[in-house]
PDB file of all heavy atoms in Angstrom:
ATOM      1  N   TYR A   1     -15.539  10.986  11.241  1.00  0.00           N
ATOM      2  CA  TYR A   1     -14.722  12.216  11.461  1.00  0.00           C
ATOM      3  C   TYR A   1     -13.671  12.032  12.568  1.00  0.00           C
ATOM      4  O   TYR A   1     -13.411  12.856  13.350  1.00  0.00           O
ATOM      5  CB  TYR A   1     -15.533  13.458  11.749  1.00  0.00           C
ATOM      6  CG  TYR A   1     -16.549  13.650  10.704  1.00  0.00           C
ATOM      7  CD1 TYR A   1     -17.894  13.346  10.970  1.00  0.00           C
ATOM      8  CD2 TYR A   1     -16.314  14.280   9.486  1.00  0.00           C
ATOM      9  CE1 TYR A   1     -18.890  13.581  10.050  1.00  0.00           C
ATOM     10  CE2 TYR A   1     -17.324  14.489   8.549  1.00  0.00           C
ATOM     11  CZ  TYR A   1     -18.623  14.136   8.857  1.00  0.00           C
ATOM     12  OH  TYR A   1     -19.610  14.365   7.941  1.00  0.00           O
ATOM     13  N   GLU A   2     -12.986  10.851  12.516  1.00  0.00           N
ATOM     14  CA  GLU A   2     -11.987  10.600  13.595  1.00  0.00           C
ATOM     15  C   GLU A   2     -10.944   9.674  13.013  1.00  0.00           C
ATOM     16  O   GLU A   2     -11.201   8.918  12.006  1.00  0.00           O
ATOM     17  CB  GLU A   2     -12.530  10.042  14.828  1.00  0.00           C
ATOM     18  CG  GLU A   2     -13.164   8.658  14.650  1.00  0.00           C
ATOM     19  CD  GLU A   2     -13.820   8.184  16.000  1.00  0.00           C
ATOM     20  OE1 GLU A   2     -14.344   8.979  16.692  1.00  0.00           O
ATOM     21  OE2 GLU A   2     -13.782   6.980  16.244  1.00  0.00           O
ATOM     22  N   SER A   3      -9.744   9.636  13.559  1.00  0.00           N
ATOM     23  CA  SER A   3      -8.749   8.741  13.061  1.00  0.00           C
ATOM     24  C   SER A   3      -8.884   7.351  13.592  1.00  0.00           C
ATOM     25  O   SER A   3      -9.529   7.066  14.601  1.00  0.00           O
ATOM     26  CB  SER A   3      -7.315   9.306  13.537  1.00  0.00           C
ATOM     27  OG  SER A   3      -7.143  10.585  13.044  1.00  0.00           O
ATOM     28  N   GLN A   4      -8.326   6.438  12.816  1.00  0.00           N
ATOM     29  CA  GLN A   4      -8.345   4.993  13.156  1.00  0.00           C
ATOM     30  C   GLN A   4      -7.295   4.739  14.254  1.00  0.00           C
ATOM     31  O   GLN A   4      -6.282   5.452  14.410  1.00  0.00           O
ATOM     32  CB  GLN A   4      -8.124   4.124  12.010  1.00  0.00           C
ATOM     33  CG  GLN A   4      -9.347   4.083  11.028  1.00  0.00           C
ATOM     34  CD  GLN A   4     -10.516   3.327  11.630  1.00  0.00           C
ATOM     35  OE1 GLN A   4     -11.286   3.983  12.315  1.00  0.00           O
ATOM     36  NE2 GLN A   4     -10.591   2.052  11.426  1.00  0.00           N
ATOM     37  N   ALA A   5      -7.440   3.666  14.994  1.00  0.00           N
ATOM     38  CA  ALA A   5      -6.475   3.230  16.027  1.00  0.00           C
ATOM     39  C   ALA A   5      -5.253   2.741  15.231  1.00  0.00           C
ATOM     40  O   ALA A   5      -5.292   2.117  14.198  1.00  0.00           O
ATOM     41  CB  ALA A   5      -6.995   2.185  16.902  1.00  0.00           C
ATOM     42  N   LEU A   6      -4.052   2.999  15.833  1.00  0.00           N
ATOM     43  CA  LEU A   6      -2.806   2.569  15.244  1.00  0.00           C
ATOM     44  C   LEU A   6      -2.634   1.147  15.487  1.00  0.00           C
ATOM     45  O   LEU A   6      -3.076   0.571  16.503  1.00  0.00           O
ATOM     46  CB  LEU A   6      -1.677   3.414  15.772  1.00  0.00           C
ATOM     47  CG  LEU A   6      -1.712   4.909  15.596  1.00  0.00           C
ATOM     48  CD1 LEU A   6      -0.468   5.627  16.164  1.00  0.00           C
ATOM     49  CD2 LEU A   6      -1.935   5.287  14.100  1.00  0.00           C
ATOM     50  N   GLU A   7      -1.856   0.394  14.600  1.00  0.00           N
ATOM     51  CA  GLU A   7      -1.566  -1.010  14.746  1.00  0.00           C
ATOM     52  C   GLU A   7      -0.166  -1.265  14.186  1.00  0.00           C
ATOM     53  O   GLU A   7       0.409  -0.496  13.473  1.00  0.00           O
ATOM     54  CB  GLU A   7      -2.558  -1.805  13.983  1.00  0.00           C
ATOM     55  CG  GLU A   7      -2.572  -1.575  12.471  1.00  0.00           C
ATOM     56  CD  GLU A   7      -3.466  -2.419  11.701  1.00  0.00           C
ATOM     57  OE1 GLU A   7      -3.946  -3.483  12.307  1.00  0.00           O
ATOM     58  OE2 GLU A   7      -3.751  -2.145  10.553  1.00  0.00           O
ATOM     59  N   PRO A   8       0.510  -2.377  14.664  1.00  0.00           N
ATOM     60  CA  PRO A   8       1.817  -2.655  14.180  1.00  0.00           C
ATOM     61  C   PRO A   8       1.728  -2.945  12.626  1.00  0.00           C
ATOM     62  O   PRO A   8       0.932  -3.738  12.194  1.00  0.00           O
ATOM     63  CB  PRO A   8       2.280  -3.905  14.991  1.00  0.00           C
ATOM     64  CG  PRO A   8       1.421  -3.863  16.203  1.00  0.00           C
ATOM     65  CD  PRO A   8       0.078  -3.276  15.735  1.00  0.00           C
ATOM     66  N   VAL A   9       2.675  -2.356  11.904  1.00  0.00           N
ATOM     67  CA  VAL A   9       2.679  -2.568  10.480  1.00  0.00           C
ATOM     68  C   VAL A   9       4.117  -2.712   9.984  1.00  0.00           C
ATOM     69  O   VAL A   9       5.029  -2.031  10.474  1.00  0.00           O
ATOM     70  CB  VAL A   9       2.021  -1.298   9.753  1.00  0.00           C
ATOM     71  CG1 VAL A   9       2.214  -1.446   8.210  1.00  0.00           C
ATOM     72  CG2 VAL A   9       0.577  -1.112  10.058  1.00  0.00           C
ATOM     73  N   ILE A  10       4.329  -3.633   9.094  1.00  0.00           N
ATOM     74  CA  ILE A  10       5.636  -3.818   8.410  1.00  0.00           C
ATOM     75  C   ILE A  10       5.522  -3.164   7.060  1.00  0.00           C
ATOM     76  O   ILE A  10       4.697  -3.598   6.230  1.00  0.00           O
ATOM     77  CB  ILE A  10       6.018  -5.285   8.234  1.00  0.00           C
ATOM     78  CG1 ILE A  10       6.224  -5.994   9.637  1.00  0.00           C
ATOM     79  CG2 ILE A  10       7.235  -5.399   7.406  1.00  0.00           C
ATOM     80  CD1 ILE A  10       7.472  -5.467  10.343  1.00  0.00           C
ATOM     81  N   LEU A  11       6.283  -2.105   6.783  1.00  0.00           N
ATOM     82  CA  LEU A  11       6.200  -1.416   5.501  1.00  0.00           C
ATOM     83  C   LEU A  11       6.465  -2.329   4.278  1.00  0.00           C
ATOM     84  O   LEU A  11       5.869  -2.127   3.209  1.00  0.00           O
ATOM     85  CB  LEU A  11       7.170  -0.261   5.472  1.00  0.00           C
ATOM     86  CG  LEU A  11       6.768   0.945   6.312  1.00  0.00           C
ATOM     87  CD1 LEU A  11       7.821   2.129   6.234  1.00  0.00           C
ATOM     88  CD2 LEU A  11       5.456   1.555   5.818  1.00  0.00           C
ATOM     89  N   ASN A  12       7.304  -3.329   4.425  1.00  0.00           N
ATOM     90  CA  ASN A  12       7.523  -4.263   3.292  1.00  0.00           C
ATOM     91  C   ASN A  12       6.218  -4.932   2.842  1.00  0.00           C
ATOM     92  O   ASN A  12       6.013  -5.116   1.638  1.00  0.00           O
ATOM     93  CB  ASN A  12       8.580  -5.242   3.698  1.00  0.00           C
ATOM     94  CG  ASN A  12       9.984  -4.706   3.654  1.00  0.00           C
ATOM     95  OD1 ASN A  12      10.170  -3.543   3.310  1.00  0.00           O
ATOM     96  ND2 ASN A  12      10.982  -5.555   4.016  1.00  0.00           N
ATOM     97  N   ASP A  13       5.407  -5.243   3.871  1.00  0.00           N
ATOM     98  CA  ASP A  13       4.111  -5.898   3.510  1.00  0.00           C
ATOM     99  C   ASP A  13       3.258  -4.932   2.702  1.00  0.00           C
ATOM    100  O   ASP A  13       2.569  -5.351   1.720  1.00  0.00           O
ATOM    101  CB  ASP A  13       3.354  -6.253   4.778  1.00  0.00           C
ATOM    102  CG  ASP A  13       3.954  -7.528   5.512  1.00  0.00           C
ATOM    103  OD1 ASP A  13       4.858  -8.147   4.854  1.00  0.00           O
ATOM    104  OD2 ASP A  13       3.543  -7.803   6.598  1.00  0.00           O
ATOM    105  N   VAL A  14       3.199  -3.700   3.090  1.00  0.00           N
ATOM    106  CA  VAL A  14       2.403  -2.650   2.437  1.00  0.00           C
ATOM    107  C   VAL A  14       2.850  -2.596   0.952  1.00  0.00           C
ATOM    108  O   VAL A  14       2.020  -2.634   0.017  1.00  0.00           O
ATOM    109  CB  VAL A  14       2.475  -1.365   3.107  1.00  0.00           C
ATOM    110  CG1 VAL A  14       1.631  -0.317   2.374  1.00  0.00           C
ATOM    111  CG2 VAL A  14       1.992  -1.490   4.496  1.00  0.00           C
ATOM    112  N   VAL A  15       4.126  -2.467   0.715  1.00  0.00           N
ATOM    113  CA  VAL A  15       4.732  -2.315  -0.594  1.00  0.00           C
ATOM    114  C   VAL A  15       4.465  -3.543  -1.457  1.00  0.00           C
ATOM    115  O   VAL A  15       4.019  -3.428  -2.616  1.00  0.00           O
ATOM    116  CB  VAL A  15       6.238  -1.988  -0.537  1.00  0.00           C
ATOM    117  CG1 VAL A  15       6.831  -1.956  -1.972  1.00  0.00           C
ATOM    118  CG2 VAL A  15       6.495  -0.704   0.241  1.00  0.00           C
ATOM    119  N   THR A  16       4.696  -4.693  -0.907  1.00  0.00           N
ATOM    120  CA  THR A  16       4.507  -5.994  -1.625  1.00  0.00           C
ATOM    121  C   THR A  16       2.993  -6.171  -2.005  1.00  0.00           C
ATOM    122  O   THR A  16       2.724  -6.456  -3.173  1.00  0.00           O
ATOM    123  CB  THR A  16       4.951  -7.121  -0.810  1.00  0.00           C
ATOM    124  OG1 THR A  16       6.318  -6.968  -0.447  1.00  0.00           O
ATOM    125  CG2 THR A  16       4.785  -8.394  -1.521  1.00  0.00           C
ATOM    126  N   ASP A  17       2.137  -5.860  -1.108  1.00  0.00           N
ATOM    127  CA  ASP A  17       0.692  -6.064  -1.362  1.00  0.00           C
ATOM    128  C   ASP A  17       0.163  -5.042  -2.401  1.00  0.00           C
ATOM    129  O   ASP A  17      -0.759  -5.327  -3.147  1.00  0.00           O
ATOM    130  CB  ASP A  17      -0.154  -5.916  -0.159  1.00  0.00           C
ATOM    131  CG  ASP A  17       0.055  -7.101   0.803  1.00  0.00           C
ATOM    132  OD1 ASP A  17       0.625  -8.072   0.404  1.00  0.00           O
ATOM    133  OD2 ASP A  17      -0.393  -7.052   2.013  1.00  0.00           O
ATOM    134  N   LEU A  18       0.796  -3.932  -2.512  1.00  0.00           N
ATOM    135  CA  LEU A  18       0.347  -2.861  -3.445  1.00  0.00           C
ATOM    136  C   LEU A  18       1.060  -2.945  -4.785  1.00  0.00           C
ATOM    137  O   LEU A  18       0.690  -2.203  -5.720  1.00  0.00           O
ATOM    138  CB  LEU A  18       0.511  -1.513  -2.850  1.00  0.00           C
ATOM    139  CG  LEU A  18      -0.491  -1.028  -1.781  1.00  0.00           C
ATOM    140  CD1 LEU A  18      -0.142   0.395  -1.339  1.00  0.00           C
ATOM    141  CD2 LEU A  18      -1.899  -0.980  -2.329  1.00  0.00           C
ATOM    142  N   GLU A  19       2.117  -3.740  -4.946  1.00  0.00           N
ATOM    143  CA  GLU A  19       2.987  -3.731  -6.053  1.00  0.00           C
ATOM    144  C   GLU A  19       2.205  -3.913  -7.380  1.00  0.00           C
ATOM    145  O   GLU A  19       2.376  -3.141  -8.399  1.00  0.00           O
ATOM    146  CB  GLU A  19       4.098  -4.748  -5.931  1.00  0.00           C
ATOM    147  CG  GLU A  19       5.243  -4.464  -6.959  1.00  0.00           C
ATOM    148  CD  GLU A  19       6.471  -5.294  -6.602  1.00  0.00           C
ATOM    149  OE1 GLU A  19       6.516  -5.938  -5.486  1.00  0.00           O
ATOM    150  OE2 GLU A  19       7.463  -5.340  -7.366  1.00  0.00           O
ATOM    151  N   ALA A  20       1.412  -4.930  -7.482  1.00  0.00           N
ATOM    152  CA  ALA A  20       0.606  -5.303  -8.679  1.00  0.00           C
ATOM    153  C   ALA A  20      -0.312  -4.018  -8.983  1.00  0.00           C
ATOM    154  O   ALA A  20      -0.429  -3.625 -10.191  1.00  0.00           O
ATOM    155  CB  ALA A  20      -0.202  -6.521  -8.498  1.00  0.00           C
ATOM    156  N   LEU A  21      -0.984  -3.493  -7.976  1.00  0.00           N
ATOM    157  CA  LEU A  21      -1.857  -2.379  -8.238  1.00  0.00           C
ATOM    158  C   LEU A  21      -1.114  -1.141  -8.710  1.00  0.00           C
ATOM    159  O   LEU A  21      -1.557  -0.483  -9.629  1.00  0.00           O
ATOM    160  CB  LEU A  21      -2.577  -2.039  -6.936  1.00  0.00           C
ATOM    161  CG  LEU A  21      -3.438  -0.722  -6.900  1.00  0.00           C
ATOM    162  CD1 LEU A  21      -4.532  -0.844  -7.897  1.00  0.00           C
ATOM    163  CD2 LEU A  21      -3.902  -0.401  -5.519  1.00  0.00           C
ATOM    164  N   LEU A  22       0.122  -0.905  -8.133  1.00  0.00           N
ATOM    165  CA  LEU A  22       0.867   0.253  -8.567  1.00  0.00           C
ATOM    166  C   LEU A  22       1.368   0.130  -9.990  1.00  0.00           C
ATOM    167  O   LEU A  22       1.353   1.093 -10.788  1.00  0.00           O
ATOM    168  CB  LEU A  22       2.054   0.440  -7.619  1.00  0.00           C
ATOM    169  CG  LEU A  22       1.748   0.813  -6.165  1.00  0.00           C
ATOM    170  CD1 LEU A  22       3.043   0.976  -5.393  1.00  0.00           C
ATOM    171  CD2 LEU A  22       1.066   2.236  -6.191  1.00  0.00           C
ATOM    172  N   GLU A  23       1.730  -1.114 -10.383  1.00  0.00           N
ATOM    173  CA  GLU A  23       2.229  -1.333 -11.754  1.00  0.00           C
ATOM    174  C   GLU A  23       1.157  -1.060 -12.779  1.00  0.00           C
ATOM    175  O   GLU A  23       1.336  -0.432 -13.788  1.00  0.00           O
ATOM    176  CB  GLU A  23       2.769  -2.738 -11.919  1.00  0.00           C
ATOM    177  CG  GLU A  23       4.012  -3.037 -11.218  1.00  0.00           C
ATOM    178  CD  GLU A  23       4.510  -4.454 -11.313  1.00  0.00           C
ATOM    179  OE1 GLU A  23       3.639  -5.316 -11.604  1.00  0.00           O
ATOM    180  OE2 GLU A  23       5.712  -4.748 -11.176  1.00  0.00           O
ATOM    181  N   ARG A  24      -0.113  -1.446 -12.457  1.00  0.00           N
ATOM    182  CA  ARG A  24      -1.245  -1.149 -13.359  1.00  0.00           C
ATOM    183  C   ARG A  24      -1.481   0.370 -13.392  1.00  0.00           C
ATOM    184  O   ARG A  24      -1.848   0.865 -14.435  1.00  0.00           O
ATOM    185  CB  ARG A  24      -2.492  -1.938 -12.855  1.00  0.00           C
ATOM    186  CG  ARG A  24      -2.335  -3.425 -13.067  1.00  0.00           C
ATOM    187  CD  ARG A  24      -3.670  -4.153 -12.938  1.00  0.00           C
ATOM    188  NE  ARG A  24      -4.245  -3.968 -11.669  1.00  0.00           N
ATOM    189  CZ  ARG A  24      -4.050  -4.724 -10.610  1.00  0.00           C
ATOM    190  NH1 ARG A  24      -3.304  -5.837 -10.768  1.00  0.00           N
ATOM    191  NH2 ARG A  24      -4.536  -4.539  -9.428  1.00  0.00           N
ATOM    192  N   THR A  25      -1.413   1.015 -12.234  1.00  0.00           N
ATOM    193  CA  THR A  25      -1.724   2.408 -12.165  1.00  0.00           C
ATOM    194  C   THR A  25      -0.685   3.287 -12.859  1.00  0.00           C
ATOM    195  O   THR A  25      -1.041   4.258 -13.491  1.00  0.00           O
ATOM    196  CB  THR A  25      -1.827   2.872 -10.689  1.00  0.00           C
ATOM    197  OG1 THR A  25      -2.771   2.038  -9.987  1.00  0.00           O
ATOM    198  CG2 THR A  25      -2.154   4.303 -10.485  1.00  0.00           C
ATOM    199  N   LEU A  26       0.571   2.831 -12.760  1.00  0.00           N
ATOM    200  CA  LEU A  26       1.622   3.631 -13.362  1.00  0.00           C
ATOM    201  C   LEU A  26       1.617   3.543 -14.911  1.00  0.00           C
ATOM    202  O   LEU A  26       2.047   4.536 -15.534  1.00  0.00           O
ATOM    203  CB  LEU A  26       3.032   3.202 -12.808  1.00  0.00           C
ATOM    204  CG  LEU A  26       3.250   3.514 -11.345  1.00  0.00           C
ATOM    205  CD1 LEU A  26       4.562   2.732 -10.868  1.00  0.00           C
ATOM    206  CD2 LEU A  26       3.359   4.984 -11.048  1.00  0.00           C
ATOM    207  N   GLY A  27       1.211   2.466 -15.407  1.00  0.00           N
ATOM    208  CA  GLY A  27       1.175   2.244 -16.858  1.00  0.00           C
ATOM    209  C   GLY A  27       2.502   1.758 -17.385  1.00  0.00           C
ATOM    210  O   GLY A  27       3.469   1.607 -16.701  1.00  0.00           O
ATOM    211  N   GLU A  28       2.509   1.360 -18.670  1.00  0.00           N
ATOM    212  CA  GLU A  28       3.648   0.704 -19.286  1.00  0.00           C
ATOM    213  C   GLU A  28       4.817   1.597 -19.477  1.00  0.00           C
ATOM    214  O   GLU A  28       5.973   1.126 -19.532  1.00  0.00           O
ATOM    215  CB  GLU A  28       3.218   0.070 -20.677  1.00  0.00           C
ATOM    216  CG  GLU A  28       2.168  -1.027 -20.554  1.00  0.00           C
ATOM    217  CD  GLU A  28       1.784  -1.545 -21.887  1.00  0.00           C
ATOM    218  OE1 GLU A  28       2.337  -1.024 -22.893  1.00  0.00           O
ATOM    219  OE2 GLU A  28       1.003  -2.550 -21.959  1.00  0.00           O
ATOM    220  N   HIS A  29       4.598   2.876 -19.498  1.00  0.00           N
ATOM    221  CA  HIS A  29       5.693   3.818 -19.753  1.00  0.00           C
ATOM    222  C   HIS A  29       6.532   4.094 -18.464  1.00  0.00           C
ATOM    223  O   HIS A  29       7.591   4.736 -18.570  1.00  0.00           O
ATOM    224  CB  HIS A  29       5.206   5.104 -20.312  1.00  0.00           C
ATOM    225  CG  HIS A  29       4.431   5.963 -19.346  1.00  0.00           C
ATOM    226  ND1 HIS A  29       3.248   5.593 -18.785  1.00  0.00           N
ATOM    227  CD2 HIS A  29       4.633   7.185 -18.876  1.00  0.00           C
ATOM    228  CE1 HIS A  29       2.717   6.464 -18.014  1.00  0.00           C
ATOM    229  NE2 HIS A  29       3.595   7.454 -17.993  1.00  0.00           N
TER     230      HIS A  29
END
């Protein structure tokens, strides 16, 4: 029941790492 400690993050890394997962989640349409 508490927040995690913050850390340096590059948003481009987050988007790139999730891209394949998002494509499968969104579907072909």
